[in-house]
């Protein structure tokens, strides 16, 4: 691997990290006692972020794809936060179902990108 490739991967990782911070996904980490639906959503977002990072690190996902995937995860996290705020930190079954569907779509998208 030459210097340009190493530099390019480092830049991509930096851009991906800054995009993640901008979307607010980092604020979603951790568990909330006695809130299993909230914890489920947060854990899935964290897992998807790890898969994106792994894809960028091994070169199966480009920086542009990673940023788009992180924005999708950020949108899901924002929706989850808004739903939680409406119900004193809880998620209803219906809201959880909608968030899970969005996470499933994002997860399938990440998986398809990593295959190619």
PDB file of N, CA and C in Angstrom:
ATOM      1  N   UNK A   1       0.856  -1.168   0.000  1.00  0.00           N
ATOM      2  CA  UNK A   1       0.000   0.000   0.000  1.00  0.00           C
ATOM      3  C   UNK A   1       0.904   1.233   0.000  1.00  0.00           C
ATOM      4  N   UNK A   2       0.663   2.121  -0.917  1.00  0.00           N
ATOM      5  CA  UNK A   2       1.506   3.309  -1.017  1.00  0.00           C
ATOM      6  C   UNK A   2       0.993   4.440  -0.112  1.00  0.00           C
ATOM      7  N   UNK A   3       1.752   5.497  -0.066  1.00  0.00           N
ATOM      8  CA  UNK A   3       1.452   6.623   0.815  1.00  0.00           C
ATOM      9  C   UNK A   3       0.112   7.261   0.469  1.00  0.00           C
ATOM     10  N   UNK A   4      -0.192   7.391  -0.824  1.00  0.00           N
ATOM     11  CA  UNK A   4      -1.450   8.034  -1.238  1.00  0.00           C
ATOM     12  C   UNK A   4      -2.661   7.241  -0.749  1.00  0.00           C
ATOM     13  N   UNK A   5      -2.582   5.929  -0.866  1.00  0.00           N
ATOM     14  CA  UNK A   5      -3.682   5.089  -0.423  1.00  0.00           C
ATOM     15  C   UNK A   5      -3.879   5.219   1.080  1.00  0.00           C
ATOM     16  N   UNK A   6      -2.791   5.200   1.820  1.00  0.00           N
ATOM     17  CA  UNK A   6      -2.864   5.351   3.271  1.00  0.00           C
ATOM     18  C   UNK A   6      -3.442   6.711   3.637  1.00  0.00           C
ATOM     19  N   UNK A   7      -2.998   7.744   2.968  1.00  0.00           N
ATOM     20  CA  UNK A   7      -3.507   9.089   3.221  1.00  0.00           C
ATOM     21  C   UNK A   7      -4.990   9.181   2.895  1.00  0.00           C
ATOM     22  N   UNK A   8      -5.391   8.596   1.774  1.00  0.00           N
ATOM     23  CA  UNK A   8      -6.787   8.633   1.346  1.00  0.00           C
ATOM     24  C   UNK A   8      -7.677   7.921   2.377  1.00  0.00           C
ATOM     25  N   UNK A   9      -7.242   6.753   2.851  1.00  0.00           N
ATOM     26  CA  UNK A   9      -8.040   6.017   3.845  1.00  0.00           C
ATOM     27  C   UNK A   9      -8.136   6.796   5.155  1.00  0.00           C
ATOM     28  N   UNK A  10      -7.056   7.431   5.545  1.00  0.00           N
ATOM     29  CA  UNK A  10      -7.083   8.244   6.756  1.00  0.00           C
ATOM     30  C   UNK A  10      -8.046   9.407   6.626  1.00  0.00           C
ATOM     31  N   UNK A  11      -8.050  10.050   5.463  1.00  0.00           N
ATOM     32  CA  UNK A  11      -8.959  11.167   5.209  1.00  0.00           C
ATOM     33  C   UNK A  11     -10.406  10.695   5.216  1.00  0.00           C
ATOM     34  N   UNK A  12     -10.660   9.548   4.615  1.00  0.00           N
ATOM     35  CA  UNK A  12     -12.014   9.001   4.598  1.00  0.00           C
ATOM     36  C   UNK A  12     -12.481   8.707   6.015  1.00  0.00           C
ATOM     37  N   UNK A  13     -11.623   8.104   6.808  1.00  0.00           N
ATOM     38  CA  UNK A  13     -11.984   7.807   8.196  1.00  0.00           C
ATOM     39  C   UNK A  13     -12.269   9.090   8.971  1.00  0.00           C
ATOM     40  N   UNK A  14     -11.474  10.131   8.737  1.00  0.00           N
ATOM     41  CA  UNK A  14     -11.692  11.407   9.408  1.00  0.00           C
ATOM     42  C   UNK A  14     -13.022  12.028   8.990  1.00  0.00           C
ATOM     43  N   UNK A  15     -13.324  12.006   7.692  1.00  0.00           N
ATOM     44  CA  UNK A  15     -14.593  12.538   7.213  1.00  0.00           C
ATOM     45  C   UNK A  15     -15.771  11.760   7.773  1.00  0.00           C
ATOM     46  N   UNK A  16     -15.634  10.448   7.798  1.00  0.00           N
ATOM     47  CA  UNK A  16     -16.717   9.617   8.325  1.00  0.00           C
ATOM     48  C   UNK A  16     -16.962   9.912   9.799  1.00  0.00           C
ATOM     49  N   UNK A  17     -15.912  10.065  10.561  1.00  0.00           N
ATOM     50  CA  UNK A  17     -16.045  10.363  11.980  1.00  0.00           C
ATOM     51  C   UNK A  17     -16.685  11.724  12.202  1.00  0.00           C
ATOM     52  N   UNK A  18     -16.276  12.717  11.416  1.00  0.00           N
ATOM     53  CA  UNK A  18     -16.864  14.049  11.587  1.00  0.00           C
ATOM     54  C   UNK A  18     -18.325  14.063  11.160  1.00  0.00           C
ATOM     55  N   UNK A  19     -18.671  13.293  10.140  1.00  0.00           N
ATOM     56  CA  UNK A  19     -20.070  13.210   9.726  1.00  0.00           C
ATOM     57  C   UNK A  19     -20.910  12.561  10.816  1.00  0.00           C
ATOM     58  N   UNK A  20     -20.346  11.559  11.440  1.00  0.00           N
ATOM     59  CA  UNK A  20     -21.044  10.892  12.533  1.00  0.00           C
ATOM     60  C   UNK A  20     -21.305  11.858  13.679  1.00  0.00           C
ATOM     61  N   UNK A  21     -20.310  12.621  14.037  1.00  0.00           N
ATOM     62  CA  UNK A  21     -20.470  13.581  15.131  1.00  0.00           C
ATOM     63  C   UNK A  21     -21.517  14.637  14.779  1.00  0.00           C
ATOM     64  N   UNK A  22     -21.549  15.034  13.526  1.00  0.00           N
ATOM     65  CA  UNK A  22     -22.494  16.066  13.104  1.00  0.00           C
ATOM     66  C   UNK A  22     -23.930  15.573  13.145  1.00  0.00           C
ATOM     67  N   UNK A  23     -24.140  14.282  12.920  1.00  0.00           N
ATOM     68  CA  UNK A  23     -25.510  13.769  12.899  1.00  0.00           C
ATOM     69  C   UNK A  23     -26.045  13.463  14.286  1.00  0.00           C
ATOM     70  N   UNK A  24     -25.177  13.435  15.272  1.00  0.00           N
ATOM     71  CA  UNK A  24     -25.650  13.228  16.627  1.00  0.00           C
ATOM     72  C   UNK A  24     -25.802  11.774  17.016  1.00  0.00           C
ATOM     73  N   UNK A  25     -25.270  10.866  16.231  1.00  0.00           N
ATOM     74  CA  UNK A  25     -25.385   9.446  16.552  1.00  0.00           C
ATOM     75  C   UNK A  25     -24.616   9.129  17.820  1.00  0.00           C
ATOM     76  N   UNK A  26     -23.520   9.799  18.067  1.00  0.00           N
ATOM     77  CA  UNK A  26     -22.719   9.512  19.253  1.00  0.00           C
ATOM     78  C   UNK A  26     -23.496   9.764  20.532  1.00  0.00           C
ATOM     79  N   UNK A  27     -24.439  10.664  20.488  1.00  0.00           N
ATOM     80  CA  UNK A  27     -25.226  10.954  21.678  1.00  0.00           C
ATOM     81  C   UNK A  27     -26.157   9.802  22.031  1.00  0.00           C
ATOM     82  N   UNK A  28     -26.362   8.850  21.118  1.00  0.00           N
ATOM     83  CA  UNK A  28     -27.280   7.756  21.329  1.00  0.00           C
ATOM     84  C   UNK A  28     -26.645   6.563  22.019  1.00  0.00           C
ATOM     85  N   UNK A  29     -25.334   6.569  22.232  1.00  0.00           N
ATOM     86  CA  UNK A  29     -24.678   5.403  22.804  1.00  0.00           C
ATOM     87  C   UNK A  29     -25.047   5.229  24.264  1.00  0.00           C
ATOM     88  N   UNK A  30     -24.919   4.003  24.734  1.00  0.00           N
ATOM     89  CA  UNK A  30     -25.198   3.719  26.130  1.00  0.00           C
ATOM     90  C   UNK A  30     -26.583   3.116  26.302  1.00  0.00           C
ATOM     91  N   UNK A  31     -26.814   2.606  27.507  1.00  0.00           N
ATOM     92  CA  UNK A  31     -28.106   2.000  27.795  1.00  0.00           C
ATOM     93  C   UNK A  31     -28.865   2.857  28.787  1.00  0.00           C
ATOM     94  N   UNK A  32     -30.168   2.762  28.710  1.00  0.00           N
ATOM     95  CA  UNK A  32     -31.057   3.497  29.598  1.00  0.00           C
ATOM     96  C   UNK A  32     -31.752   2.458  30.474  1.00  0.00           C
ATOM     97  N   UNK A  33     -31.605   2.543  31.791  1.00  0.00           N
ATOM     98  CA  UNK A  33     -32.219   1.541  32.658  1.00  0.00           C
ATOM     99  C   UNK A  33     -33.739   1.475  32.471  1.00  0.00           C
ATOM    100  N   UNK A  34     -34.267   0.263  32.401  1.00  0.00           N
ATOM    101  CA  UNK A  34     -35.707   0.003  32.338  1.00  0.00           C
ATOM    102  C   UNK A  34     -36.374   0.518  31.064  1.00  0.00           C
ATOM    103  N   UNK A  35     -35.615   0.668  29.995  1.00  0.00           N
ATOM    104  CA  UNK A  35     -36.176   1.099  28.716  1.00  0.00           C
ATOM    105  C   UNK A  35     -35.688   0.167  27.603  1.00  0.00           C
ATOM    106  N   UNK A  36     -36.191  -1.054  27.544  1.00  0.00           N
ATOM    107  CA  UNK A  36     -35.665  -2.030  26.587  1.00  0.00           C
ATOM    108  C   UNK A  36     -35.847  -1.620  25.126  1.00  0.00           C
ATOM    109  N   UNK A  37     -36.936  -0.944  24.794  1.00  0.00           N
ATOM    110  CA  UNK A  37     -37.135  -0.535  23.390  1.00  0.00           C
ATOM    111  C   UNK A  37     -36.124   0.525  22.984  1.00  0.00           C
ATOM    112  N   UNK A  38     -35.867   1.457  23.869  1.00  0.00           N
ATOM    113  CA  UNK A  38     -34.879   2.502  23.599  1.00  0.00           C
ATOM    114  C   UNK A  38     -33.500   1.868  23.450  1.00  0.00           C
ATOM    115  N   UNK A  39     -33.170   0.945  24.348  1.00  0.00           N
ATOM    116  CA  UNK A  39     -31.873   0.280  24.293  1.00  0.00           C
ATOM    117  C   UNK A  39     -31.711  -0.534  23.012  1.00  0.00           C
ATOM    118  N   UNK A  40     -32.792  -1.177  22.578  1.00  0.00           N
ATOM    119  CA  UNK A  40     -32.736  -1.960  21.337  1.00  0.00           C
ATOM    120  C   UNK A  40     -32.401  -1.068  20.147  1.00  0.00           C
ATOM    121  N   UNK A  41     -33.084   0.046  20.037  1.00  0.00           N
ATOM    122  CA  UNK A  41     -32.847   0.975  18.927  1.00  0.00           C
ATOM    123  C   UNK A  41     -31.413   1.505  18.981  1.00  0.00           C
ATOM    124  N   UNK A  42     -30.970   1.923  20.158  1.00  0.00           N
ATOM    125  CA  UNK A  42     -29.617   2.470  20.297  1.00  0.00           C
ATOM    126  C   UNK A  42     -28.559   1.430  19.971  1.00  0.00           C
ATOM    127  N   UNK A  43     -28.768   0.190  20.405  1.00  0.00           N
ATOM    128  CA  UNK A  43     -27.800  -0.874  20.150  1.00  0.00           C
ATOM    129  C   UNK A  43     -27.699  -1.166  18.649  1.00  0.00           C
ATOM    130  N   UNK A  44     -28.827  -1.162  17.978  1.00  0.00           N
ATOM    131  CA  UNK A  44     -28.801  -1.418  16.532  1.00  0.00           C
ATOM    132  C   UNK A  44     -28.071  -0.298  15.786  1.00  0.00           C
ATOM    133  N   UNK A  45     -28.290   0.942  16.206  1.00  0.00           N
ATOM    134  CA  UNK A  45     -27.589   2.069  15.583  1.00  0.00           C
ATOM    135  C   UNK A  45     -26.085   1.928  15.796  1.00  0.00           C
ATOM    136  N   UNK A  46     -25.696   1.571  17.007  1.00  0.00           N
ATOM    137  CA  UNK A  46     -24.272   1.377  17.315  1.00  0.00           C
ATOM    138  C   UNK A  46     -23.681   0.242  16.469  1.00  0.00           C
ATOM    139  N   UNK A  47     -24.410  -0.865  16.354  1.00  0.00           N
ATOM    140  CA  UNK A  47     -23.925  -2.000  15.551  1.00  0.00           C
ATOM    141  C   UNK A  47     -23.749  -1.613  14.085  1.00  0.00           C
ATOM    142  N   UNK A  48     -24.703  -0.858  13.549  1.00  0.00           N
ATOM    143  CA  UNK A  48     -24.589  -0.422  12.164  1.00  0.00           C
ATOM    144  C   UNK A  48     -23.390   0.495  11.986  1.00  0.00           C
ATOM    145  N   UNK A  49     -23.144   1.355  12.969  1.00  0.00           N
ATOM    146  CA  UNK A  49     -21.989   2.243  12.877  1.00  0.00           C
ATOM    147  C   UNK A  49     -20.697   1.438  12.858  1.00  0.00           C
ATOM    148  N   UNK A  50     -20.618   0.398  13.671  1.00  0.00           N
ATOM    149  CA  UNK A  50     -19.425  -0.449  13.684  1.00  0.00           C
ATOM    150  C   UNK A  50     -19.241  -1.152  12.345  1.00  0.00           C
ATOM    151  N   UNK A  51     -20.332  -1.590  11.732  1.00  0.00           N
ATOM    152  CA  UNK A  51     -20.243  -2.238  10.422  1.00  0.00           C
ATOM    153  C   UNK A  51     -19.765  -1.256   9.355  1.00  0.00           C
ATOM    154  N   UNK A  52     -20.234  -0.020   9.427  1.00  0.00           N
ATOM    155  CA  UNK A  52     -19.795   1.003   8.473  1.00  0.00           C
ATOM    156  C   UNK A  52     -18.305   1.262   8.658  1.00  0.00           C
ATOM    157  N   UNK A  53     -17.880   1.437   9.905  1.00  0.00           N
ATOM    158  CA  UNK A  53     -16.459   1.683  10.185  1.00  0.00           C
ATOM    159  C   UNK A  53     -15.588   0.535   9.689  1.00  0.00           C
ATOM    160  N   UNK A  54     -16.046  -0.688   9.898  1.00  0.00           N
ATOM    161  CA  UNK A  54     -15.294  -1.865   9.446  1.00  0.00           C
ATOM    162  C   UNK A  54     -15.206  -1.896   7.921  1.00  0.00           C
ATOM    163  N   UNK A  55     -16.299  -1.534   7.255  1.00  0.00           N
ATOM    164  CA  UNK A  55     -16.309  -1.496   5.792  1.00  0.00           C
ATOM    165  C   UNK A  55     -15.365  -0.446   5.235  1.00  0.00           C
ATOM    166  N   UNK A  56     -15.302   0.703   5.875  1.00  0.00           N
ATOM    167  CA  UNK A  56     -14.376   1.753   5.451  1.00  0.00           C
ATOM    168  C   UNK A  56     -12.939   1.293   5.689  1.00  0.00           C
ATOM    169  N   UNK A  57     -12.700   0.662   6.833  1.00  0.00           N
ATOM    170  CA  UNK A  57     -11.349   0.228   7.179  1.00  0.00           C
ATOM    171  C   UNK A  57     -10.816  -0.817   6.212  1.00  0.00           C
ATOM    172  N   UNK A  58     -11.679  -1.746   5.782  1.00  0.00           N
ATOM    173  CA  UNK A  58     -11.184  -2.778   4.875  1.00  0.00           C
ATOM    174  C   UNK A  58     -11.406  -2.437   3.402  1.00  0.00           C
ATOM    175  N   UNK A  59     -11.972  -1.264   3.123  1.00  0.00           N
ATOM    176  CA  UNK A  59     -12.082  -0.779   1.752  1.00  0.00           C
ATOM    177  C   UNK A  59     -13.304  -1.247   0.988  1.00  0.00           C
ATOM    178  N   UNK A  60     -14.254  -1.931   1.637  1.00  0.00           N
ATOM    179  CA  UNK A  60     -15.446  -2.382   0.926  1.00  0.00           C
ATOM    180  C   UNK A  60     -16.519  -1.304   0.839  1.00  0.00           C
ATOM    181  N   UNK A  61     -16.400  -0.263   1.644  1.00  0.00           N
ATOM    182  CA  UNK A  61     -17.321   0.876   1.589  1.00  0.00           C
ATOM    183  C   UNK A  61     -16.485   2.128   1.380  1.00  0.00           C
ATOM    184  N   UNK A  62     -16.892   2.951   0.430  1.00  0.00           N
ATOM    185  CA  UNK A  62     -16.173   4.197   0.182  1.00  0.00           C
ATOM    186  C   UNK A  62     -16.565   5.243   1.218  1.00  0.00           C
ATOM    187  N   UNK A  63     -15.799   6.298   1.271  1.00  0.00           N
ATOM    188  CA  UNK A  63     -16.098   7.381   2.203  1.00  0.00           C
ATOM    189  C   UNK A  63     -17.442   8.018   1.924  1.00  0.00           C
ATOM    190  N   UNK A  64     -17.768   8.176   0.656  1.00  0.00           N
ATOM    191  CA  UNK A  64     -19.043   8.777   0.278  1.00  0.00           C
ATOM    192  C   UNK A  64     -20.209   7.897   0.726  1.00  0.00           C
ATOM    193  N   UNK A  65     -20.073   6.579   0.529  1.00  0.00           N
ATOM    194  CA  UNK A  65     -21.114   5.650   0.964  1.00  0.00           C
ATOM    195  C   UNK A  65     -21.242   5.671   2.487  1.00  0.00           C
ATOM    196  N   UNK A  66     -20.107   5.726   3.175  1.00  0.00           N
ATOM    197  CA  UNK A  66     -20.120   5.735   4.641  1.00  0.00           C
ATOM    198  C   UNK A  66     -20.826   6.975   5.171  1.00  0.00           C
ATOM    199  N   UNK A  67     -20.558   8.100   4.577  1.00  0.00           N
ATOM    200  CA  UNK A  67     -21.201   9.342   5.021  1.00  0.00           C
ATOM    201  C   UNK A  67     -22.707   9.250   4.829  1.00  0.00           C
ATOM    202  N   UNK A  68     -23.144   8.719   3.676  1.00  0.00           N
ATOM    203  CA  UNK A  68     -24.580   8.574   3.416  1.00  0.00           C
ATOM    204  C   UNK A  68     -25.215   7.615   4.426  1.00  0.00           C
ATOM    205  N   UNK A  69     -24.555   6.496   4.687  1.00  0.00           N
ATOM    206  CA  UNK A  69     -25.084   5.523   5.650  1.00  0.00           C
ATOM    207  C   UNK A  69     -25.151   6.122   7.045  1.00  0.00           C
ATOM    208  N   UNK A  70     -24.154   6.904   7.422  1.00  0.00           N
ATOM    209  CA  UNK A  70     -24.149   7.536   8.735  1.00  0.00           C
ATOM    210  C   UNK A  70     -25.241   8.595   8.838  1.00  0.00           C
ATOM    211  N   UNK A  71     -25.516   9.272   7.737  1.00  0.00           N
ATOM    212  CA  UNK A  71     -26.607  10.243   7.753  1.00  0.00           C
ATOM    213  C   UNK A  71     -27.942   9.527   7.950  1.00  0.00           C
ATOM    214  N   UNK A  72     -28.109   8.372   7.302  1.00  0.00           N
ATOM    215  CA  UNK A  72     -29.338   7.600   7.503  1.00  0.00           C
ATOM    216  C   UNK A  72     -29.469   7.173   8.958  1.00  0.00           C
ATOM    217  N   UNK A  73     -28.364   6.683   9.533  1.00  0.00           N
ATOM    218  CA  UNK A  73     -28.382   6.275  10.943  1.00  0.00           C
ATOM    219  C   UNK A  73     -28.669   7.480  11.840  1.00  0.00           C
ATOM    220  N   UNK A  74     -28.114   8.626  11.493  1.00  0.00           N
ATOM    221  CA  UNK A  74     -28.368   9.853  12.258  1.00  0.00           C
ATOM    222  C   UNK A  74     -29.826  10.264  12.201  1.00  0.00           C
ATOM    223  N   UNK A  75     -30.434  10.118  11.030  1.00  0.00           N
ATOM    224  CA  UNK A  75     -31.857  10.439  10.893  1.00  0.00           C
ATOM    225  C   UNK A  75     -32.708   9.515  11.762  1.00  0.00           C
ATOM    226  N   UNK A  76     -32.351   8.236  11.774  1.00  0.00           N
ATOM    227  CA  UNK A  76     -33.082   7.284  12.617  1.00  0.00           C
ATOM    228  C   UNK A  76     -32.918   7.663  14.086  1.00  0.00           C
ATOM    229  N   UNK A  77     -31.703   8.017  14.480  1.00  0.00           N
ATOM    230  CA  UNK A  77     -31.444   8.406  15.873  1.00  0.00           C
ATOM    231  C   UNK A  77     -32.230   9.658  16.245  1.00  0.00           C
ATOM    232  N   UNK A  78     -32.318  10.613  15.332  1.00  0.00           N
ATOM    233  CA  UNK A  78     -33.080  11.828  15.613  1.00  0.00           C
ATOM    234  C   UNK A  78     -34.565  11.520  15.760  1.00  0.00           C
ATOM    235  N   UNK A  79     -35.078  10.624  14.902  1.00  0.00           N
ATOM    236  CA  UNK A  79     -36.484  10.230  15.014  1.00  0.00           C
ATOM    237  C   UNK A  79     -36.735   9.545  16.351  1.00  0.00           C
ATOM    238  N   UNK A  80     -35.791   8.685  16.754  1.00  0.00           N
ATOM    239  CA  UNK A  80     -35.931   7.988  18.033  1.00  0.00           C
ATOM    240  C   UNK A  80     -35.937   8.988  19.189  1.00  0.00           C
ATOM    241  N   UNK A  81     -35.049   9.969  19.139  1.00  0.00           N
ATOM    242  CA  UNK A  81     -34.988  10.979  20.199  1.00  0.00           C
ATOM    243  C   UNK A  81     -36.276  11.791  20.264  1.00  0.00           C
ATOM    244  N   UNK A  82     -36.803  12.153  19.107  1.00  0.00           N
ATOM    245  CA  UNK A  82     -38.048  12.920  19.073  1.00  0.00           C
ATOM    246  C   UNK A  82     -39.200  12.082  19.633  1.00  0.00           C
ATOM    247  N   UNK A  83     -39.246  10.797  19.257  1.00  0.00           N
ATOM    248  CA  UNK A  83     -40.298   9.914  19.773  1.00  0.00           C
ATOM    249  C   UNK A  83     -40.172   9.742  21.282  1.00  0.00           C
ATOM    250  N   UNK A  84     -38.934   9.589  21.764  1.00  0.00           N
ATOM    251  CA  UNK A  84     -38.714   9.448  23.208  1.00  0.00           C
ATOM    252  C   UNK A  84     -39.163  10.706  23.949  1.00  0.00           C
ATOM    253  N   UNK A  85     -38.879  11.862  23.391  1.00  0.00           N
ATOM    254  CA  UNK A  85     -39.230  13.121  24.038  1.00  0.00           C
ATOM    255  C   UNK A  85     -40.746  13.261  24.196  1.00  0.00           C
ATOM    256  N   UNK A  86     -41.489  12.725  23.238  1.00  0.00           N
ATOM    257  CA  UNK A  86     -42.950  12.808  23.313  1.00  0.00           C
ATOM    258  C   UNK A  86     -43.529  11.934  24.411  1.00  0.00           C
ATOM    259  N   UNK A  87     -42.770  10.896  24.832  1.00  0.00           N
ATOM    260  CA  UNK A  87     -43.306   9.930  25.787  1.00  0.00           C
ATOM    261  C   UNK A  87     -42.409   9.764  27.010  1.00  0.00           C
ATOM    262  N   UNK A  88     -41.819  10.855  27.461  1.00  0.00           N
ATOM    263  CA  UNK A  88     -40.993  10.851  28.682  1.00  0.00           C
ATOM    264  C   UNK A  88     -39.894   9.786  28.649  1.00  0.00           C
ATOM    265  N   UNK A  89     -39.178   9.703  27.553  1.00  0.00           N
ATOM    266  CA  UNK A  89     -38.048   8.784  27.458  1.00  0.00           C
ATOM    267  C   UNK A  89     -38.395   7.370  27.054  1.00  0.00           C
ATOM    268  N   UNK A  90     -39.626   7.115  26.687  1.00  0.00           N
ATOM    269  CA  UNK A  90     -40.057   5.783  26.265  1.00  0.00           C
ATOM    270  C   UNK A  90     -40.377   5.781  24.776  1.00  0.00           C
ATOM    271  N   UNK A  91     -40.427   4.595  24.192  1.00  0.00           N
ATOM    272  CA  UNK A  91     -40.881   4.414  22.819  1.00  0.00           C
ATOM    273  C   UNK A  91     -42.094   3.498  22.844  1.00  0.00           C
ATOM    274  N   UNK A  92     -43.103   3.848  22.068  1.00  0.00           N
ATOM    275  CA  UNK A  92     -44.261   2.970  21.959  1.00  0.00           C
ATOM    276  C   UNK A  92     -43.910   1.806  21.032  1.00  0.00           C
ATOM    277  N   UNK A  93     -44.734   0.778  21.047  1.00  0.00           N
ATOM    278  CA  UNK A  93     -44.500  -0.365  20.155  1.00  0.00           C
ATOM    279  C   UNK A  93     -44.545   0.070  18.693  1.00  0.00           C
ATOM    280  N   UNK A  94     -45.476   0.926  18.366  1.00  0.00           N
ATOM    281  CA  UNK A  94     -45.614   1.392  16.989  1.00  0.00           C
ATOM    282  C   UNK A  94     -44.372   2.164  16.554  1.00  0.00           C
ATOM    283  N   UNK A  95     -43.873   3.048  17.406  1.00  0.00           N
ATOM    284  CA  UNK A  95     -42.666   3.814  17.082  1.00  0.00           C
ATOM    285  C   UNK A  95     -41.459   2.887  16.934  1.00  0.00           C
ATOM    286  N   UNK A  96     -41.367   1.900  17.821  1.00  0.00           N
ATOM    287  CA  UNK A  96     -40.273   0.939  17.736  1.00  0.00           C
ATOM    288  C   UNK A  96     -40.338   0.170  16.428  1.00  0.00           C
ATOM    289  N   UNK A  97     -41.527  -0.245  16.035  1.00  0.00           N
ATOM    290  CA  UNK A  97     -41.718  -0.971  14.778  1.00  0.00           C
ATOM    291  C   UNK A  97     -41.269  -0.119  13.583  1.00  0.00           C
ATOM    292  N   UNK A  98     -41.633   1.151  13.572  1.00  0.00           N
ATOM    293  CA  UNK A  98     -41.243   2.049  12.474  1.00  0.00           C
ATOM    294  C   UNK A  98     -39.726   2.247  12.453  1.00  0.00           C
ATOM    295  N   UNK A  99     -39.141   2.438  13.624  1.00  0.00           N
ATOM    296  CA  UNK A  99     -37.690   2.622  13.696  1.00  0.00           C
ATOM    297  C   UNK A  99     -36.957   1.350  13.268  1.00  0.00           C
ATOM    298  N   UNK A 100     -37.480   0.190  13.663  1.00  0.00           N
ATOM    299  CA  UNK A 100     -36.855  -1.072  13.262  1.00  0.00           C
ATOM    300  C   UNK A 100     -36.917  -1.270  11.746  1.00  0.00           C
ATOM    301  N   UNK A 101     -38.007  -0.884  11.142  1.00  0.00           N
ATOM    302  CA  UNK A 101     -38.108  -0.994   9.680  1.00  0.00           C
ATOM    303  C   UNK A 101     -37.062  -0.111   9.006  1.00  0.00           C
ATOM    304  N   UNK A 102     -36.907   1.110   9.507  1.00  0.00           N
ATOM    305  CA  UNK A 102     -35.898   2.013   8.944  1.00  0.00           C
ATOM    306  C   UNK A 102     -34.494   1.446   9.150  1.00  0.00           C
ATOM    307  N   UNK A 103     -34.250   0.881  10.327  1.00  0.00           N
ATOM    308  CA  UNK A 103     -32.942   0.282  10.595  1.00  0.00           C
ATOM    309  C   UNK A 103     -32.712  -0.945   9.713  1.00  0.00           C
ATOM    310  N   UNK A 104     -33.761  -1.722   9.459  1.00  0.00           N
ATOM    311  CA  UNK A 104     -33.632  -2.882   8.568  1.00  0.00           C
ATOM    312  C   UNK A 104     -33.245  -2.446   7.159  1.00  0.00           C
ATOM    313  N   UNK A 105     -33.880  -1.387   6.667  1.00  0.00           N
ATOM    314  CA  UNK A 105     -33.530  -0.874   5.333  1.00  0.00           C
ATOM    315  C   UNK A 105     -32.073  -0.429   5.291  1.00  0.00           C
ATOM    316  N   UNK A 106     -31.656   0.313   6.308  1.00  0.00           N
ATOM    317  CA  UNK A 106     -30.278   0.794   6.359  1.00  0.00           C
ATOM    318  C   UNK A 106     -29.305  -0.383   6.472  1.00  0.00           C
ATOM    319  N   UNK A 107     -29.653  -1.373   7.254  1.00  0.00           N
ATOM    320  CA  UNK A 107     -28.800  -2.542   7.425  1.00  0.00           C
ATOM    321  C   UNK A 107     -28.639  -3.305   6.106  1.00  0.00           C
ATOM    322  N   UNK A 108     -29.739  -3.496   5.384  1.00  0.00           N
ATOM    323  CA  UNK A 108     -29.666  -4.178   4.074  1.00  0.00           C
ATOM    324  C   UNK A 108     -28.794  -3.388   3.108  1.00  0.00           C
ATOM    325  N   UNK A 109     -28.916  -2.079   3.144  1.00  0.00           N
ATOM    326  CA  UNK A 109     -28.128  -1.222   2.265  1.00  0.00           C
ATOM    327  C   UNK A 109     -26.635  -1.371   2.564  1.00  0.00           C
ATOM    328  N   UNK A 110     -26.284  -1.375   3.841  1.00  0.00           N
ATOM    329  CA  UNK A 110     -24.875  -1.547   4.244  1.00  0.00           C
ATOM    330  C   UNK A 110     -24.371  -2.910   3.785  1.00  0.00           C
ATOM    331  N   UNK A 111     -25.175  -3.947   3.993  1.00  0.00           N
ATOM    332  CA  UNK A 111     -24.769  -5.304   3.603  1.00  0.00           C
ATOM    333  C   UNK A 111     -24.538  -5.401   2.096  1.00  0.00           C
ATOM    334  N   UNK A 112     -25.417  -4.814   1.306  1.00  0.00           N
ATOM    335  CA  UNK A 112     -25.261  -4.855  -0.158  1.00  0.00           C
ATOM    336  C   UNK A 112     -23.996  -4.132  -0.596  1.00  0.00           C
ATOM    337  N   UNK A 113     -23.677  -3.020   0.044  1.00  0.00           N
ATOM    338  CA  UNK A 113     -22.472  -2.267  -0.302  1.00  0.00           C
ATOM    339  C   UNK A 113     -21.226  -3.071   0.008  1.00  0.00           C
ATOM    340  N   UNK A 114     -21.224  -3.779   1.112  1.00  0.00           N
ATOM    341  CA  UNK A 114     -20.037  -4.507   1.540  1.00  0.00           C
ATOM    342  C   UNK A 114     -19.781  -5.721   0.663  1.00  0.00           C
ATOM    343  N   UNK A 115     -20.785  -6.233  -0.031  1.00  0.00           N
ATOM    344  CA  UNK A 115     -20.603  -7.381  -0.916  1.00  0.00           C
ATOM    345  C   UNK A 115     -19.833  -7.006  -2.168  1.00  0.00           C
ATOM    346  N   UNK A 116     -20.039  -5.807  -2.632  1.00  0.00           N
ATOM    347  CA  UNK A 116     -19.452  -5.416  -3.934  1.00  0.00           C
ATOM    348  C   UNK A 116     -18.066  -4.886  -3.780  1.00  0.00           C
TER     349      UNK A 116
END
